[in-house]
PDB file of N, CA and C in Angstrom:
ATOM      1  N   MET A   1      67.325  58.560 116.873  1.00  0.00           N
ATOM      2  CA  MET A   1      68.073  59.303 115.865  1.00  0.00           C
ATOM      3  C   MET A   1      67.749  60.785 115.988  1.00  0.00           C
ATOM      4  N   THR A   2      68.766  61.593 115.873  1.00  0.00           N
ATOM      5  CA  THR A   2      68.531  63.026 115.929  1.00  0.00           C
ATOM      6  C   THR A   2      68.102  63.521 114.555  1.00  0.00           C
ATOM      7  N   ASN A   3      67.667  64.741 114.541  1.00  0.00           N
ATOM      8  CA  ASN A   3      67.183  65.349 113.301  1.00  0.00           C
ATOM      9  C   ASN A   3      68.303  65.455 112.267  1.00  0.00           C
ATOM     10  N   ILE A   4      69.528  65.750 112.722  1.00  0.00           N
ATOM     11  CA  ILE A   4      70.664  65.862 111.806  1.00  0.00           C
ATOM     12  C   ILE A   4      70.981  64.501 111.202  1.00  0.00           C
ATOM     13  N   ASP A   5      70.966  63.453 112.031  1.00  0.00           N
ATOM     14  CA  ASP A   5      71.232  62.106 111.539  1.00  0.00           C
ATOM     15  C   ASP A   5      70.199  61.694 110.500  1.00  0.00           C
ATOM     16  N   GLU A   6      68.936  62.032 110.757  1.00  0.00           N
ATOM     17  CA  GLU A   6      67.873  61.683 109.815  1.00  0.00           C
ATOM     18  C   GLU A   6      68.067  62.405 108.490  1.00  0.00           C
ATOM     19  N   THR A   7      68.431  63.670 108.551  1.00  0.00           N
ATOM     20  CA  THR A   7      68.648  64.445 107.335  1.00  0.00           C
ATOM     21  C   THR A   7      69.821  63.879 106.537  1.00  0.00           C
ATOM     22  N   GLU A   8      70.910  63.561 107.223  1.00  0.00           N
ATOM     23  CA  GLU A   8      72.072  62.981 106.540  1.00  0.00           C
ATOM     24  C   GLU A   8      71.710  61.638 105.923  1.00  0.00           C
ATOM     25  N   PHE A   9      70.933  60.845 106.660  1.00  0.00           N
ATOM     26  CA  PHE A   9      70.521  59.540 106.166  1.00  0.00           C
ATOM     27  C   PHE A   9      69.627  59.681 104.940  1.00  0.00           C
ATOM     28  N   GLU A  10      68.679  60.616 104.983  1.00  0.00           N
ATOM     29  CA  GLU A  10      67.788  60.849 103.842  1.00  0.00           C
ATOM     30  C   GLU A  10      68.575  61.350 102.638  1.00  0.00           C
ATOM     31  N   ASN A  11      69.554  62.224 102.871  1.00  0.00           N
ATOM     32  CA  ASN A  11      70.392  62.720 101.773  1.00  0.00           C
ATOM     33  C   ASN A  11      71.215  61.592 101.163  1.00  0.00           C
ATOM     34  N   ALA A  12      71.724  60.705 102.019  1.00  0.00           N
ATOM     35  CA  ALA A  12      72.499  59.571 101.521  1.00  0.00           C
ATOM     36  C   ALA A  12      71.625  58.646 100.683  1.00  0.00           C
ATOM     37  N   ILE A  13      70.398  58.407 101.136  1.00  0.00           N
ATOM     38  CA  ILE A  13      69.470  57.557 100.377  1.00  0.00           C
ATOM     39  C   ILE A  13      69.149  58.198  99.035  1.00  0.00           C
ATOM     40  N   ALA A  14      68.892  59.501  99.026  1.00  0.00           N
ATOM     41  CA  ALA A  14      68.587  60.201  97.775  1.00  0.00           C
ATOM     42  C   ALA A  14      69.775  60.131  96.815  1.00  0.00           C
ATOM     43  N   SER A  15      70.980  60.265  97.347  1.00  0.00           N
ATOM     44  CA  SER A  15      72.179  60.188  96.513  1.00  0.00           C
ATOM     45  C   SER A  15      72.336  58.799  95.909  1.00  0.00           C
ATOM     46  N   VAL A  16      72.100  57.772  96.707  1.00  0.00           N
ATOM     47  CA  VAL A  16      72.200  56.400  96.217  1.00  0.00           C
ATOM     48  C   VAL A  16      71.131  56.128  95.165  1.00  0.00           C
ATOM     49  N   GLU A  17      69.917  56.617  95.393  1.00  0.00           N
ATOM     50  CA  GLU A  17      68.845  56.430  94.411  1.00  0.00           C
ATOM     51  C   GLU A  17      69.182  57.108  93.091  1.00  0.00           C
ATOM     52  N   THR A  18      69.731  58.305  93.161  1.00  0.00           N
ATOM     53  CA  THR A  18      70.118  59.024  91.943  1.00  0.00           C
ATOM     54  C   THR A  18      71.204  58.261  91.194  1.00  0.00           C
ATOM     55  N   ALA A  19      72.205  57.794  91.924  1.00  0.00           N
ATOM     56  CA  ALA A  19      73.288  57.029  91.284  1.00  0.00           C
ATOM     57  C   ALA A  19      72.752  55.740  90.671  1.00  0.00           C
ATOM     58  N   LEU A  20      71.823  55.081  91.350  1.00  0.00           N
ATOM     59  CA  LEU A  20      71.239  53.847  90.832  1.00  0.00           C
ATOM     60  C   LEU A  20      70.438  54.120  89.560  1.00  0.00           C
ATOM     61  N   ASN A  21      69.677  55.194  89.550  1.00  0.00           N
ATOM     62  CA  ASN A  21      68.903  55.542  88.352  1.00  0.00           C
ATOM     63  C   ASN A  21      69.828  55.866  87.176  1.00  0.00           C
ATOM     64  N   GLN A  22      70.913  56.562  87.441  1.00  0.00           N
ATOM     65  CA  GLN A  22      71.863  56.861  86.373  1.00  0.00           C
ATOM     66  C   GLN A  22      72.508  55.583  85.853  1.00  0.00           C
ATOM     67  N   LEU A  23      72.826  54.672  86.745  1.00  0.00           N
ATOM     68  CA  LEU A  23      73.404  53.398  86.344  1.00  0.00           C
ATOM     69  C   LEU A  23      72.420  52.592  85.506  1.00  0.00           C
ATOM     70  N   LYS A  24      71.154  52.594  85.894  1.00  0.00           N
ATOM     71  CA  LYS A  24      70.129  51.892  85.118  1.00  0.00           C
ATOM     72  C   LYS A  24      69.992  52.491  83.721  1.00  0.00           C
ATOM     73  N   GLU A  25      70.011  53.813  83.632  1.00  0.00           N
ATOM     74  CA  GLU A  25      69.911  54.477  82.332  1.00  0.00           C
ATOM     75  C   GLU A  25      71.103  54.114  81.444  1.00  0.00           C
ATOM     76  N   ARG A  26      72.307  54.131  82.015  1.00  0.00           N
ATOM     77  CA  ARG A  26      73.493  53.764  81.231  1.00  0.00           C
ATOM     78  C   ARG A  26      73.419  52.313  80.799  1.00  0.00           C
ATOM     79  N   TYR A  27      72.964  51.442  81.677  1.00  0.00           N
ATOM     80  CA  TYR A  27      72.851  50.025  81.352  1.00  0.00           C
ATOM     81  C   TYR A  27      71.857  49.814  80.214  1.00  0.00           C
ATOM     82  N   ASN A  28      70.708  50.474  80.282  1.00  0.00           N
ATOM     83  CA  ASN A  28      69.712  50.353  79.217  1.00  0.00           C
ATOM     84  C   ASN A  28      70.252  50.883  77.892  1.00  0.00           C
ATOM     85  N   GLN A  29      70.976  51.985  77.938  1.00  0.00           N
ATOM     86  CA  GLN A  29      71.561  52.547  76.721  1.00  0.00           C
ATOM     87  C   GLN A  29      72.578  51.583  76.117  1.00  0.00           C
ATOM     88  N   VAL A  30      73.391  50.976  76.959  1.00  0.00           N
ATOM     89  CA  VAL A  30      74.383  50.011  76.483  1.00  0.00           C
ATOM     90  C   VAL A  30      73.689  48.824  75.839  1.00  0.00           C
ATOM     91  N   LYS A  31      72.636  48.314  76.486  1.00  0.00           N
ATOM     92  CA  LYS A  31      71.901  47.187  75.909  1.00  0.00           C
ATOM     93  C   LYS A  31      71.296  47.560  74.561  1.00  0.00           C
ATOM     94  N   GLN A  32      70.700  48.747  74.460  1.00  0.00           N
ATOM     95  CA  GLN A  32      70.106  49.185  73.192  1.00  0.00           C
ATOM     96  C   GLN A  32      71.174  49.326  72.115  1.00  0.00           C
ATOM     97  N   ASP A  33      72.317  49.904  72.489  1.00  0.00           N
ATOM     98  CA  ASP A  33      73.389  50.092  71.517  1.00  0.00           C
ATOM     99  C   ASP A  33      73.978  48.755  71.067  1.00  0.00           C
ATOM    100  N   GLN A  34      74.097  47.817  71.981  1.00  0.00           N
ATOM    101  CA  GLN A  34      74.613  46.505  71.601  1.00  0.00           C
ATOM    102  C   GLN A  34      73.649  45.799  70.656  1.00  0.00           C
ATOM    103  N   THR A  35      72.347  45.895  70.936  1.00  0.00           N
ATOM    104  CA  THR A  35      71.349  45.289  70.055  1.00  0.00           C
ATOM    105  C   THR A  35      71.388  45.934  68.679  1.00  0.00           C
ATOM    106  N   ARG A  36      71.435  47.264  68.652  1.00  0.00           N
ATOM    107  CA  ARG A  36      71.468  47.987  67.372  1.00  0.00           C
ATOM    108  C   ARG A  36      72.742  47.644  66.600  1.00  0.00           C
ATOM    109  N   ARG A  37      73.863  47.532  67.313  1.00  0.00           N
ATOM    110  CA  ARG A  37      75.125  47.182  66.650  1.00  0.00           C
ATOM    111  C   ARG A  37      75.023  45.793  66.020  1.00  0.00           C
ATOM    112  N   SER A  38      74.458  44.848  66.751  1.00  0.00           N
ATOM    113  CA  SER A  38      74.292  43.493  66.204  1.00  0.00           C
ATOM    114  C   SER A  38      73.407  43.510  64.963  1.00  0.00           C
ATOM    115  N   GLN A  39      72.329  44.296  65.021  1.00  0.00           N
ATOM    116  CA  GLN A  39      71.438  44.404  63.861  1.00  0.00           C
ATOM    117  C   GLN A  39      72.175  44.977  62.658  1.00  0.00           C
ATOM    118  N   LEU A  40      72.967  46.014  62.901  1.00  0.00           N
ATOM    119  CA  LEU A  40      73.689  46.653  61.797  1.00  0.00           C
ATOM    120  C   LEU A  40      74.760  45.738  61.215  1.00  0.00           C
ATOM    121  N   VAL A  41      75.449  45.009  62.073  1.00  0.00           N
ATOM    122  CA  VAL A  41      76.455  44.074  61.571  1.00  0.00           C
ATOM    123  C   VAL A  41      75.780  43.002  60.724  1.00  0.00           C
ATOM    124  N   GLU A  42      74.658  42.491  61.184  1.00  0.00           N
ATOM    125  CA  GLU A  42      73.922  41.475  60.421  1.00  0.00           C
ATOM    126  C   GLU A  42      73.414  42.055  59.103  1.00  0.00           C
ATOM    127  N   GLN A  43      72.920  43.285  59.158  1.00  0.00           N
ATOM    128  CA  GLN A  43      72.434  43.940  57.947  1.00  0.00           C
ATOM    129  C   GLN A  43      73.582  44.143  56.959  1.00  0.00           C
ATOM    130  N   ALA A  44      74.759  44.483  57.461  1.00  0.00           N
ATOM    131  CA  ALA A  44      75.910  44.706  56.594  1.00  0.00           C
ATOM    132  C   ALA A  44      76.329  43.412  55.896  1.00  0.00           C
ATOM    133  N   ARG A  45      76.157  42.300  56.567  1.00  0.00           N
ATOM    134  CA  ARG A  45      76.521  41.017  55.963  1.00  0.00           C
ATOM    135  C   ARG A  45      75.607  40.649  54.809  1.00  0.00           C
ATOM    136  N   HIS A  46      74.361  41.068  54.887  1.00  0.00           N
ATOM    137  CA  HIS A  46      73.381  40.697  53.870  1.00  0.00           C
ATOM    138  C   HIS A  46      73.177  41.770  52.800  1.00  0.00           C
ATOM    139  N   THR A  47      73.974  42.828  52.850  1.00  0.00           N
ATOM    140  CA  THR A  47      73.852  43.899  51.864  1.00  0.00           C
ATOM    141  C   THR A  47      74.434  43.433  50.530  1.00  0.00           C
ATOM    142  N   ALA A  48      73.740  43.743  49.466  1.00  0.00           N
ATOM    143  CA  ALA A  48      74.209  43.373  48.120  1.00  0.00           C
ATOM    144  C   ALA A  48      75.520  44.088  47.821  1.00  0.00           C
ATOM    145  N   PRO A  49      76.400  43.454  47.030  1.00  0.00           N
ATOM    146  CA  PRO A  49      77.715  44.038  46.760  1.00  0.00           C
ATOM    147  C   PRO A  49      77.646  45.421  46.093  1.00  0.00           C
ATOM    148  N   GLY A  50      76.607  45.708  45.358  1.00  0.00           N
ATOM    149  CA  GLY A  50      76.510  46.980  44.660  1.00  0.00           C
ATOM    150  C   GLY A  50      76.119  48.140  45.554  1.00  0.00           C
ATOM    151  N   LEU A  51      75.820  47.895  46.786  1.00  0.00           N
ATOM    152  CA  LEU A  51      75.346  48.950  47.681  1.00  0.00           C
ATOM    153  C   LEU A  51      76.454  49.424  48.626  1.00  0.00           C
ATOM    154  N   LYS A  52      77.549  49.857  48.029  1.00  0.00           N
ATOM    155  CA  LYS A  52      78.713  50.298  48.804  1.00  0.00           C
ATOM    156  C   LYS A  52      78.383  51.493  49.692  1.00  0.00           C
ATOM    157  N   ALA A  53      77.594  52.432  49.216  1.00  0.00           N
ATOM    158  CA  ALA A  53      77.244  53.621  50.004  1.00  0.00           C
ATOM    159  C   ALA A  53      76.448  53.228  51.248  1.00  0.00           C
ATOM    160  N   GLU A  54      75.526  52.293  51.095  1.00  0.00           N
ATOM    161  CA  GLU A  54      74.735  51.823  52.229  1.00  0.00           C
ATOM    162  C   GLU A  54      75.636  51.136  53.251  1.00  0.00           C
ATOM    163  N   LEU A  55      76.568  50.361  52.775  1.00  0.00           N
ATOM    164  CA  LEU A  55      77.507  49.669  53.654  1.00  0.00           C
ATOM    165  C   LEU A  55      78.386  50.670  54.415  1.00  0.00           C
ATOM    166  N   ASP A  56      78.824  51.718  53.735  1.00  0.00           N
ATOM    167  CA  ASP A  56      79.626  52.757  54.386  1.00  0.00           C
ATOM    168  C   ASP A  56      78.818  53.473  55.465  1.00  0.00           C
ATOM    169  N   ARG A  57      77.545  53.751  55.181  1.00  0.00           N
ATOM    170  CA  ARG A  57      76.676  54.407  56.162  1.00  0.00           C
ATOM    171  C   ARG A  57      76.502  53.523  57.393  1.00  0.00           C
ATOM    172  N   ILE A  58      76.294  52.239  57.146  1.00  0.00           N
ATOM    173  CA  ILE A  58      76.120  51.306  58.260  1.00  0.00           C
ATOM    174  C   ILE A  58      77.396  51.225  59.084  1.00  0.00           C
ATOM    175  N   GLN A  59      78.546  51.203  58.416  1.00  0.00           N
ATOM    176  CA  GLN A  59      79.824  51.152  59.134  1.00  0.00           C
ATOM    177  C   GLN A  59      80.024  52.403  59.975  1.00  0.00           C
ATOM    178  N   GLN A  60      79.652  53.558  59.442  1.00  0.00           N
ATOM    179  CA  GLN A  60      79.767  54.794  60.213  1.00  0.00           C
ATOM    180  C   GLN A  60      78.868  54.756  61.441  1.00  0.00           C
ATOM    181  N   GLU A  61      77.665  54.237  61.284  1.00  0.00           N
ATOM    182  CA  GLU A  61      76.757  54.135  62.423  1.00  0.00           C
ATOM    183  C   GLU A  61      77.295  53.146  63.455  1.00  0.00           C
ATOM    184  N   ILE A  62      77.889  52.052  63.003  1.00  0.00           N
ATOM    185  CA  ILE A  62      78.498  51.095  63.928  1.00  0.00           C
ATOM    186  C   ILE A  62      79.633  51.767  64.697  1.00  0.00           C
ATOM    187  N   ASP A  63      80.457  52.535  64.007  1.00  0.00           N
ATOM    188  CA  ASP A  63      81.555  53.236  64.667  1.00  0.00           C
ATOM    189  C   ASP A  63      81.032  54.236  65.700  1.00  0.00           C
ATOM    190  N   LEU A  64      79.957  54.940  65.356  1.00  0.00           N
ATOM    191  CA  LEU A  64      79.350  55.891  66.283  1.00  0.00           C
ATOM    192  C   LEU A  64      78.814  55.178  67.523  1.00  0.00           C
ATOM    193  N   ILE A  65      78.175  54.056  67.327  1.00  0.00           N
ATOM    194  CA  ILE A  65      77.635  53.290  68.459  1.00  0.00           C
ATOM    195  C   ILE A  65      78.771  52.751  69.320  1.00  0.00           C
ATOM    196  N   ASP A  66      79.854  52.284  68.693  1.00  0.00           N
ATOM    197  CA  ASP A  66      81.012  51.821  69.461  1.00  0.00           C
ATOM    198  C   ASP A  66      81.575  52.944  70.328  1.00  0.00           C
ATOM    199  N   THR A  67      81.682  54.119  69.748  1.00  0.00           N
ATOM    200  CA  THR A  67      82.165  55.276  70.503  1.00  0.00           C
ATOM    201  C   THR A  67      81.220  55.595  71.653  1.00  0.00           C
ATOM    202  N   ASN A  68      79.920  55.538  71.382  1.00  0.00           N
ATOM    203  CA  ASN A  68      78.918  55.802  72.412  1.00  0.00           C
ATOM    204  C   ASN A  68      79.031  54.785  73.540  1.00  0.00           C
ATOM    205  N   LEU A  69      79.217  53.524  73.191  1.00  0.00           N
ATOM    206  CA  LEU A  69      79.348  52.488  74.222  1.00  0.00           C
ATOM    207  C   LEU A  69      80.591  52.729  75.070  1.00  0.00           C
ATOM    208  N   GLU A  70      81.688  53.062  74.443  1.00  0.00           N
ATOM    209  CA  GLU A  70      82.917  53.309  75.184  1.00  0.00           C
ATOM    210  C   GLU A  70      82.765  54.515  76.098  1.00  0.00           C
ATOM    211  N   SER A  71      82.121  55.578  75.607  1.00  0.00           N
ATOM    212  CA  SER A  71      81.970  56.768  76.433  1.00  0.00           C
ATOM    213  C   SER A  71      80.978  56.540  77.561  1.00  0.00           C
ATOM    214  N   ARG A  72      80.004  55.658  77.367  1.00  0.00           N
ATOM    215  CA  ARG A  72      79.049  55.355  78.431  1.00  0.00           C
ATOM    216  C   ARG A  72      79.692  54.558  79.553  1.00  0.00           C
ATOM    217  N   LEU A  73      80.660  53.729  79.205  1.00  0.00           N
ATOM    218  CA  LEU A  73      81.275  52.877  80.211  1.00  0.00           C
ATOM    219  C   LEU A  73      82.444  53.562  80.912  1.00  0.00           C
ATOM    220  N   PHE A  74      82.992  54.612  80.324  1.00  0.00           N
ATOM    221  CA  PHE A  74      84.136  55.311  80.898  1.00  0.00           C
ATOM    222  C   PHE A  74      83.669  56.604  81.537  1.00  0.00           C
ATOM    223  N   ARG A  75      84.115  56.844  82.743  1.00  0.00           N
ATOM    224  CA  ARG A  75      83.785  58.085  83.432  1.00  0.00           C
ATOM    225  C   ARG A  75      85.071  58.677  83.984  1.00  0.00           C
ATOM    226  N   TRP A  76      85.208  59.980  83.897  1.00  0.00           N
ATOM    227  CA  TRP A  76      86.396  60.644  84.402  1.00  0.00           C
ATOM    228  C   TRP A  76      86.514  60.478  85.908  1.00  0.00           C
ATOM    229  N   ARG A  77      85.385  60.375  86.579  1.00  0.00           N
ATOM    230  CA  ARG A  77      85.416  60.214  88.032  1.00  0.00           C
ATOM    231  C   ARG A  77      86.106  58.919  88.437  1.00  0.00           C
ATOM    232  N   SER A  78      86.076  57.929  87.562  1.00  0.00           N
ATOM    233  CA  SER A  78      86.721  56.659  87.889  1.00  0.00           C
ATOM    234  C   SER A  78      88.242  56.813  87.972  1.00  0.00           C
ATOM    235  N   LEU A  79      88.782  57.903  87.438  1.00  0.00           N
ATOM    236  CA  LEU A  79      90.225  58.141  87.484  1.00  0.00           C
ATOM    237  C   LEU A  79      90.665  58.905  88.723  1.00  0.00           C
ATOM    238  N   LEU A  80      89.718  59.475  89.473  1.00  0.00           N
ATOM    239  CA  LEU A  80      90.095  60.292  90.619  1.00  0.00           C
ATOM    240  C   LEU A  80      90.839  59.484  91.680  1.00  0.00           C
ATOM    241  N   HIS A  81      90.314  58.342  92.042  1.00  0.00           N
ATOM    242  CA  HIS A  81      90.935  57.550  93.100  1.00  0.00           C
ATOM    243  C   HIS A  81      92.345  57.091  92.707  1.00  0.00           C
ATOM    244  N   PRO A  82      92.550  56.481  91.538  1.00  0.00           N
ATOM    245  CA  PRO A  82      93.923  56.095  91.171  1.00  0.00           C
ATOM    246  C   PRO A  82      94.870  57.282  91.064  1.00  0.00           C
ATOM    247  N   PHE A  83      94.359  58.425  90.589  1.00  0.00           N
ATOM    248  CA  PHE A  83      95.192  59.618  90.469  1.00  0.00           C
ATOM    249  C   PHE A  83      95.700  60.058  91.832  1.00  0.00           C
ATOM    250  N   TRP A  84      94.792  60.165  92.805  1.00  0.00           N
ATOM    251  CA  TRP A  84      95.197  60.634  94.121  1.00  0.00           C
ATOM    252  C   TRP A  84      96.045  59.599  94.845  1.00  0.00           C
ATOM    253  N   MET A  85      95.829  58.330  94.564  1.00  0.00           N
ATOM    254  CA  MET A  85      96.689  57.296  95.153  1.00  0.00           C
ATOM    255  C   MET A  85      98.111  57.457  94.602  1.00  0.00           C
ATOM    256  N   ALA A  86      98.235  57.694  93.306  1.00  0.00           N
ATOM    257  CA  ALA A  86      99.556  57.883  92.699  1.00  0.00           C
ATOM    258  C   ALA A  86     100.227  59.139  93.253  1.00  0.00           C
ATOM    259  N   VAL A  87      99.464  60.213  93.408  1.00  0.00           N
ATOM    260  CA  VAL A  87     100.025  61.450  93.958  1.00  0.00           C
ATOM    261  C   VAL A  87     100.479  61.214  95.390  1.00  0.00           C
ATOM    262  N   ARG A  88      99.627  60.557  96.176  1.00  0.00           N
ATOM    263  CA  ARG A  88      99.941  60.332  97.586  1.00  0.00           C
ATOM    264  C   ARG A  88     101.183  59.455  97.738  1.00  0.00           C
ATOM    265  N   PHE A  89     101.185  58.287  97.117  1.00  0.00           N
ATOM    266  CA  PHE A  89     102.292  57.368  97.322  1.00  0.00           C
ATOM    267  C   PHE A  89     103.529  57.769  96.529  1.00  0.00           C
ATOM    268  N   GLY A  90     103.339  58.406  95.371  1.00  0.00           N
ATOM    269  CA  GLY A  90     104.492  58.917  94.633  1.00  0.00           C
ATOM    270  C   GLY A  90     105.187  60.019  95.405  1.00  0.00           C
ATOM    271  N   GLY A  91     104.402  60.914  95.985  1.00  0.00           N
ATOM    272  CA  GLY A  91     104.972  61.994  96.803  1.00  0.00           C
ATOM    273  C   GLY A  91     105.651  61.459  98.039  1.00  0.00           C
ATOM    274  N   LEU A  92     105.044  60.455  98.662  1.00  0.00           N
ATOM    275  CA  LEU A  92     105.637  59.835  99.847  1.00  0.00           C
ATOM    276  C   LEU A  92     106.958  59.162  99.485  1.00  0.00           C
ATOM    277  N   GLY A  93     106.986  58.487  98.356  1.00  0.00           N
ATOM    278  CA  GLY A  93     108.224  57.846  97.902  1.00  0.00           C
ATOM    279  C   GLY A  93     109.312  58.862  97.619  1.00  0.00           C
ATOM    280  N   LEU A  94     108.918  59.987  97.024  1.00  0.00           N
ATOM    281  CA  LEU A  94     109.879  61.051  96.736  1.00  0.00           C
ATOM    282  C   LEU A  94     110.462  61.609  98.033  1.00  0.00           C
ATOM    283  N   LEU A  95     109.612  61.845  99.022  1.00  0.00           N
ATOM    284  CA  LEU A  95     110.090  62.357 100.308  1.00  0.00           C
ATOM    285  C   LEU A  95     111.020  61.359 100.990  1.00  0.00           C
ATOM    286  N   ILE A  96     110.664  60.091 100.968  1.00  0.00           N
ATOM    287  CA  ILE A  96     111.518  59.066 101.576  1.00  0.00           C
ATOM    288  C   ILE A  96     112.847  58.989 100.835  1.00  0.00           C
ATOM    289  N   GLY A  97     112.814  59.093  99.516  1.00  0.00           N
ATOM    290  CA  GLY A  97     114.052  59.087  98.736  1.00  0.00           C
ATOM    291  C   GLY A  97     114.953  60.257  99.074  1.00  0.00           C
ATOM    292  N   TRP A  98     114.385  61.455  99.190  1.00  0.00           N
ATOM    293  CA  TRP A  98     115.187  62.629  99.563  1.00  0.00           C
ATOM    294  C   TRP A  98     115.770  62.451 100.964  1.00  0.00           C
ATOM    295  N   TRP A  99     114.965  61.925 101.867  1.00  0.00           N
ATOM    296  CA  TRP A  99     115.426  61.714 103.229  1.00  0.00           C
ATOM    297  C   TRP A  99     116.571  60.709 103.235  1.00  0.00           C
ATOM    298  N   LEU A 100     116.418  59.595 102.507  1.00  0.00           N
ATOM    299  CA  LEU A 100     117.485  58.595 102.462  1.00  0.00           C
ATOM    300  C   LEU A 100     118.758  59.149 101.853  1.00  0.00           C
ATOM    301  N   LYS A 101     118.614  59.978 100.838  1.00  0.00           N
ATOM    302  CA  LYS A 101     119.798  60.562 100.185  1.00  0.00           C
ATOM    303  C   LYS A 101     120.524  61.503 101.160  1.00  0.00           C
ATOM    304  N   SER A 102     119.765  62.240 101.953  1.00  0.00           N
ATOM    305  CA  SER A 102     120.410  63.165 102.901  1.00  0.00           C
ATOM    306  C   SER A 102     121.053  62.402 104.062  1.00  0.00           C
ATOM    307  N   VAL A 103     120.527  61.254 104.402  1.00  0.00           N
ATOM    308  CA  VAL A 103     121.077  60.460 105.498  1.00  0.00           C
ATOM    309  C   VAL A 103     122.343  59.742 105.059  1.00  0.00           C
ATOM    310  N   ILE A 104     122.362  59.250 103.836  1.00  0.00           N
ATOM    311  CA  ILE A 104     123.492  58.442 103.359  1.00  0.00           C
ATOM    312  C   ILE A 104     124.604  59.291 102.861  1.00  0.00           C
TER     313      ILE A 104
END
């Protein structure tokens, strides 16, 4: 292996390790949020009827955790590939359509 190949390989390994660590962190956060959500839902079920304010606070926290879970699982980068596929094939279809219209 040449020095350039080794450097590229080491950079690729470092990139994969970083991505894996980020994935582990997101996974742990999701697990913690799911556990906390379950606890809050259970707590809300056992709250006395006179404690409406406490129930509202718990519901707000559940909503916040739901939002956090959704934002942890969704990444804008996941839209790049479908976007460029649509641009590529949509543009190709448009060009073929114009060509067919000029031929016919």
